[in-house]
Amino acid sequence: MSYIDGFVIAVPNANRQQFIDHAATFDPIFVEFGAIRVVECWADDVPEGKVTDFRRAVQAKQDEAVVFSWVEWPDKATRDAGMAKLMEDPRMPGAGEMPFDGKRMIFGGFVPVVSVPE
């Protein structure tokens, strides 16, 4: 079964196109290093919760949108090798070059336990 890296970030609304351009430039590098696909999703229907929610999780400001993204890999071994290559790749931007505050990014690796259809 595949392996998933998930990300939630806050992106200034003014940086929407810059974020899309950034993703269009750098997401293919994940695929080059073995990812099956990369999906970037701009918030559309993200309600405020009573205890927690996506906006609070990334400390999104009033002028920011939440972006939910994932990278699907064929397996964890491919992900580990691909991420190692990615971190060494000179094409990858530094933290100051991203159109969002990387310090407020939430990320992690996940093993799927249910996948429909499959």
Protein backbone atom coordinates (compact mmCIF):
# COMPACT_ATOMS: atom_id res chain seq x y z
CA MET A 1 0.00 0.00 0.00
CA SER A 2 1.12 3.58 -0.64
CA TYR A 3 2.59 6.07 1.82
CA ILE A 4 1.29 9.62 2.28
CA ASP A 5 3.03 12.81 3.37
CA GLY A 6 0.42 15.35 4.49
CA PHE A 7 0.80 19.12 4.91
CA VAL A 8 -1.37 21.96 6.20
CA ILE A 9 -0.15 25.55 5.80
CA ALA A 10 -1.46 29.10 5.95
CA VAL A 11 -0.82 31.13 2.78
CA PRO A 12 -1.51 34.85 2.47
CA ASN A 13 -4.42 35.36 0.06
CA ALA A 14 -2.27 37.88 -1.79
CA ASN A 15 0.24 35.06 -2.48
CA ARG A 16 -2.27 32.65 -4.04
CA GLN A 17 -0.83 32.81 -7.56
CA GLN A 18 2.72 32.86 -6.21
CA PHE A 19 1.88 29.68 -4.25
CA ILE A 20 0.39 28.01 -7.33
CA ASP A 21 3.47 28.94 -9.38
CA HIS A 22 5.72 27.68 -6.58
CA ALA A 23 3.85 24.35 -6.47
CA ALA A 24 3.87 24.02 -10.27
CA THR A 25 7.65 24.48 -10.22
CA PHE A 26 8.59 22.29 -7.27
CA ASP A 27 5.93 19.56 -7.07
CA PRO A 28 7.27 17.83 -10.22
CA ILE A 29 10.53 17.28 -8.33
CA PHE A 30 8.63 15.04 -5.88
CA VAL A 31 7.41 13.02 -8.88
CA GLU A 32 10.93 12.93 -10.34
CA PHE A 33 12.09 11.35 -7.06
CA GLY A 34 9.37 8.69 -7.00
CA ALA A 35 6.08 10.25 -5.85
CA ILE A 36 2.95 8.97 -7.56
CA ARG A 37 1.21 12.34 -7.31
CA VAL A 38 1.11 15.64 -5.46
CA VAL A 39 -2.16 17.42 -4.64
CA GLU A 40 -2.40 21.05 -3.46
CA CYS A 41 -5.84 22.21 -2.22
CA TRP A 42 -6.83 25.83 -1.49
CA ALA A 43 -9.44 26.22 1.28
CA ASP A 44 -13.02 26.50 0.05
CA ASP A 45 -15.26 25.24 2.85
CA VAL A 46 -13.21 25.27 6.06
CA PRO A 47 -15.51 25.94 9.01
CA GLU A 48 -14.42 27.32 12.35
CA GLY A 49 -14.61 24.72 15.08
CA LYS A 50 -15.52 25.10 18.74
CA VAL A 51 -12.33 23.48 20.04
CA THR A 52 -9.97 23.28 17.06
CA ASP A 53 -9.97 23.64 13.29
CA PHE A 54 -7.62 23.92 10.32
CA ARG A 55 -7.22 27.71 10.68
CA ARG A 56 -6.23 27.51 14.34
CA ALA A 57 -3.94 24.57 13.69
CA VAL A 58 -1.71 26.74 11.49
CA GLN A 59 -2.48 30.04 13.21
CA ALA A 60 -3.96 31.42 9.99
CA LYS A 61 -4.45 35.17 10.04
CA GLN A 62 -7.54 36.92 8.70
CA ASP A 63 -5.86 37.56 5.32
CA GLU A 64 -4.61 33.96 4.91
CA ALA A 65 -6.11 30.82 3.43
CA VAL A 66 -5.48 27.27 4.58
CA VAL A 67 -3.82 24.95 2.07
CA PHE A 68 -4.12 21.18 2.52
CA SER A 69 -1.64 19.14 0.49
CA TRP A 70 -0.44 15.61 0.18
CA VAL A 71 2.23 13.64 -1.62
CA GLU A 72 1.44 10.04 -2.45
CA TRP A 73 4.35 7.62 -2.69
CA PRO A 74 4.27 3.96 -3.78
CA ASP A 75 5.72 2.91 -0.38
CA LYS A 76 7.69 4.27 2.59
CA ALA A 77 11.07 3.14 1.24
CA THR A 78 10.52 5.17 -1.94
CA ARG A 79 9.36 8.11 0.18
CA ASP A 80 12.43 7.97 2.44
CA ALA A 81 14.80 7.80 -0.54
CA GLY A 82 12.87 10.51 -2.43
CA MET A 83 12.77 12.89 0.53
CA ALA A 84 16.50 12.42 1.12
CA LYS A 85 17.17 13.35 -2.52
CA LEU A 86 14.73 16.27 -2.26
CA MET A 87 16.52 17.74 0.77
CA GLU A 88 19.81 17.64 -1.11
CA ASP A 89 18.48 19.00 -4.40
CA PRO A 90 19.79 22.50 -5.19
CA ARG A 91 16.53 23.33 -7.01
CA MET A 92 14.57 23.30 -3.75
CA PRO A 93 14.01 26.74 -2.23
CA GLY A 94 15.19 27.95 1.15
CA ALA A 95 12.69 28.91 3.84
CA GLY A 96 12.88 32.61 2.91
CA GLU A 97 11.90 31.86 -0.70
CA MET A 98 8.54 30.22 0.02
CA PRO A 99 5.25 32.12 -0.39
CA PHE A 100 4.15 31.09 3.14
CA ASP A 101 5.51 30.89 6.69
CA GLY A 102 7.07 27.44 6.94
CA LYS A 103 7.24 27.69 10.75
CA ARG A 104 3.46 27.29 10.88
CA MET A 105 3.39 24.27 8.57
CA ILE A 106 2.01 21.03 9.98
CA PHE A 107 3.33 17.90 8.28
CA GLY A 108 3.72 14.21 8.80
CA GLY A 109 3.94 10.81 7.15
CA PHE A 110 0.98 8.44 7.18
CA VAL A 111 0.37 4.77 6.47
CA PRO A 112 -3.03 4.28 4.82
CA VAL A 113 -5.25 1.84 6.68
CA VAL A 114 -8.34 2.14 4.47
CA SER A 115 -8.43 3.07 0.79
CA VAL A 116 -11.64 2.97 -1.27
CA PRO A 117 -11.64 1.87 -4.01
CA GLU A 118 -8.61 -0.36 -4.07
